[in-house]
Amino acid sequence: QVRLVESGGGLVQAGESLRLSCAASGTIFIINAMGWYRQAPGKQRELVATITTSGGTNYADSVKGRFTISRDNAKNTVYLQMNSLKPEDTAVYYCNADVHSSTYLVNNYWGQGTQVTVSS
């Protein structure tokens, strides 16, 4: 099985920055799309950003221009650079990945989540 471990969350003031990391380990042939999602209390988990194997990206409108997703395929790691943080960015951030354990076996995995709290 594959394990995703997030790190980098914390408490910051509005306008500051954080960099989240998510490292995948286990039986990995190749990782397809990877992404970051977030969930605030009482709300559904929502897309923040995704990135394909070749580097194509997609962002939620609320974070465009402020967040940047990137990946290091050699390290099986995805990052989320979060700049100009706002109180409304406060949520638990989850890493997600589509992982090929072989050329024909694919599974989707979630990390345990990391808390990001932005104070005003």
Protein backbone atom coordinates (compact mmCIF):
# COMPACT_ATOMS: atom_id res chain seq x y z
CA GLN A 1 0.00 0.00 0.00
CA VAL A 2 0.96 3.65 -0.36
CA ARG A 3 1.28 6.16 2.43
CA LEU A 4 1.04 9.93 2.03
CA VAL A 5 2.49 12.09 4.79
CA GLU A 6 1.88 15.84 4.91
CA SER A 7 3.97 18.38 6.77
CA GLY A 8 4.39 22.13 7.02
CA GLY A 9 1.08 23.25 8.48
CA GLY A 10 0.88 25.67 11.35
CA LEU A 11 -0.43 28.93 12.74
CA VAL A 12 0.40 32.14 10.89
CA GLN A 13 -0.90 35.68 10.62
CA ALA A 14 -2.74 37.02 7.60
CA GLY A 15 -0.37 37.95 4.80
CA GLU A 16 2.28 35.42 5.78
CA SER A 17 3.32 32.27 3.93
CA LEU A 18 3.51 28.53 4.48
CA ARG A 19 4.92 25.69 2.41
CA LEU A 20 3.23 22.31 2.66
CA SER A 21 4.92 19.08 1.64
CA CYS A 22 3.50 15.62 0.96
CA ALA A 23 5.76 12.64 0.50
CA ALA A 24 4.50 9.34 -0.89
CA SER A 25 6.07 6.03 0.04
CA GLY A 26 5.34 2.37 -0.59
CA THR A 27 4.81 0.35 -3.75
CA ILE A 28 5.06 3.00 -6.45
CA PHE A 29 5.60 2.52 -10.15
CA ILE A 30 4.54 6.03 -11.07
CA ILE A 31 2.33 8.71 -9.55
CA ASN A 32 -0.16 10.29 -11.89
CA ALA A 33 -2.09 13.32 -10.69
CA MET A 34 -1.41 14.73 -7.23
CA GLY A 35 -3.37 17.38 -5.46
CA TRP A 36 -4.17 19.38 -2.38
CA TYR A 37 -7.65 19.64 -0.89
CA ARG A 38 -8.89 21.42 2.20
CA GLN A 39 -11.78 21.09 4.60
CA ALA A 40 -13.11 23.59 7.10
CA PRO A 41 -15.52 22.62 9.92
CA GLY A 42 -19.02 21.98 8.60
CA LYS A 43 -17.93 22.19 4.97
CA GLN A 44 -17.16 19.66 2.26
CA ARG A 45 -13.62 18.87 1.30
CA GLU A 46 -12.77 21.09 -1.65
CA LEU A 47 -10.12 21.20 -4.34
CA VAL A 48 -7.24 23.60 -3.82
CA ALA A 49 -4.81 22.61 -6.57
CA THR A 50 -3.82 19.65 -8.71
CA ILE A 51 -0.77 18.81 -10.78
CA THR A 52 -0.25 16.17 -13.45
CA THR A 53 2.82 13.99 -13.94
CA SER A 54 4.10 16.35 -16.62
CA GLY A 55 3.47 19.46 -14.54
CA GLY A 56 0.10 20.72 -15.73
CA THR A 57 -1.70 22.56 -12.93
CA ASN A 58 -5.21 23.53 -11.90
CA TYR A 59 -6.22 25.87 -9.08
CA ALA A 60 -9.35 26.84 -7.26
CA ASP A 61 -10.35 30.40 -8.10
CA SER A 62 -9.97 31.41 -4.47
CA VAL A 63 -6.23 30.65 -4.44
CA LYS A 64 -5.14 31.61 -7.95
CA GLY A 65 -2.20 33.97 -7.87
CA ARG A 66 -1.44 33.17 -4.24
CA PHE A 67 -0.77 29.41 -4.13
CA THR A 68 1.63 27.39 -6.25
CA ILE A 69 1.64 23.61 -6.53
CA SER A 70 4.77 21.77 -7.64
CA ARG A 71 6.20 18.28 -7.53
CA ASP A 72 9.47 16.40 -7.45
CA ASN A 73 8.88 13.11 -9.23
CA ALA A 74 12.22 11.67 -8.14
CA LYS A 75 11.20 12.17 -4.50
CA ASN A 76 7.51 11.29 -4.98
CA THR A 77 6.69 14.57 -3.30
CA VAL A 78 4.21 17.34 -3.97
CA TYR A 79 4.41 20.84 -2.51
CA LEU A 80 2.00 23.69 -1.97
CA GLN A 81 3.51 27.13 -1.56
CA MET A 82 0.90 29.36 0.06
CA ASN A 83 1.51 33.10 -0.03
CA SER A 84 -0.60 36.03 1.12
CA LEU A 85 -2.60 33.77 3.39
CA LYS A 86 -6.06 34.88 4.47
CA PRO A 87 -8.20 33.83 7.44
CA GLU A 88 -10.55 32.10 5.00
CA ASP A 89 -7.68 29.76 4.06
CA THR A 90 -7.95 28.21 7.51
CA ALA A 91 -8.68 24.50 7.12
CA VAL A 92 -7.22 21.03 7.32
CA TYR A 93 -5.23 20.48 4.15
CA TYR A 94 -5.11 17.00 2.64
CA CYS A 95 -2.76 15.52 0.09
CA ASN A 96 -4.17 13.24 -2.60
CA ALA A 97 -2.52 11.09 -5.25
CA ASP A 98 -3.35 8.59 -7.98
CA VAL A 99 -0.65 5.96 -7.68
CA HIS A 100 0.21 3.23 -10.19
CA SER A 101 1.69 0.22 -8.40
CA SER A 102 2.22 -1.26 -11.87
CA THR A 103 1.37 -0.26 -15.42
CA TYR A 104 -2.22 -1.45 -14.92
CA LEU A 105 -2.99 -1.14 -11.20
CA VAL A 106 -4.06 2.29 -9.99
CA ASN A 107 -5.34 3.44 -6.60
CA ASN A 108 -6.21 6.77 -5.03
CA TYR A 109 -4.79 7.74 -1.64
CA TRP A 110 -5.29 10.45 0.95
CA GLY A 111 -2.92 11.79 3.56
CA GLN A 112 -3.89 12.32 7.18
CA GLY A 113 -4.18 16.08 6.83
CA THR A 114 -2.29 19.02 8.28
CA GLN A 115 -3.88 22.00 10.01
CA VAL A 116 -3.40 25.47 8.59
CA THR A 117 -4.69 28.32 10.74
CA VAL A 118 -4.50 31.94 9.61
CA SER A 119 -5.24 34.59 12.20
CA SER A 120 -6.34 38.13 11.44
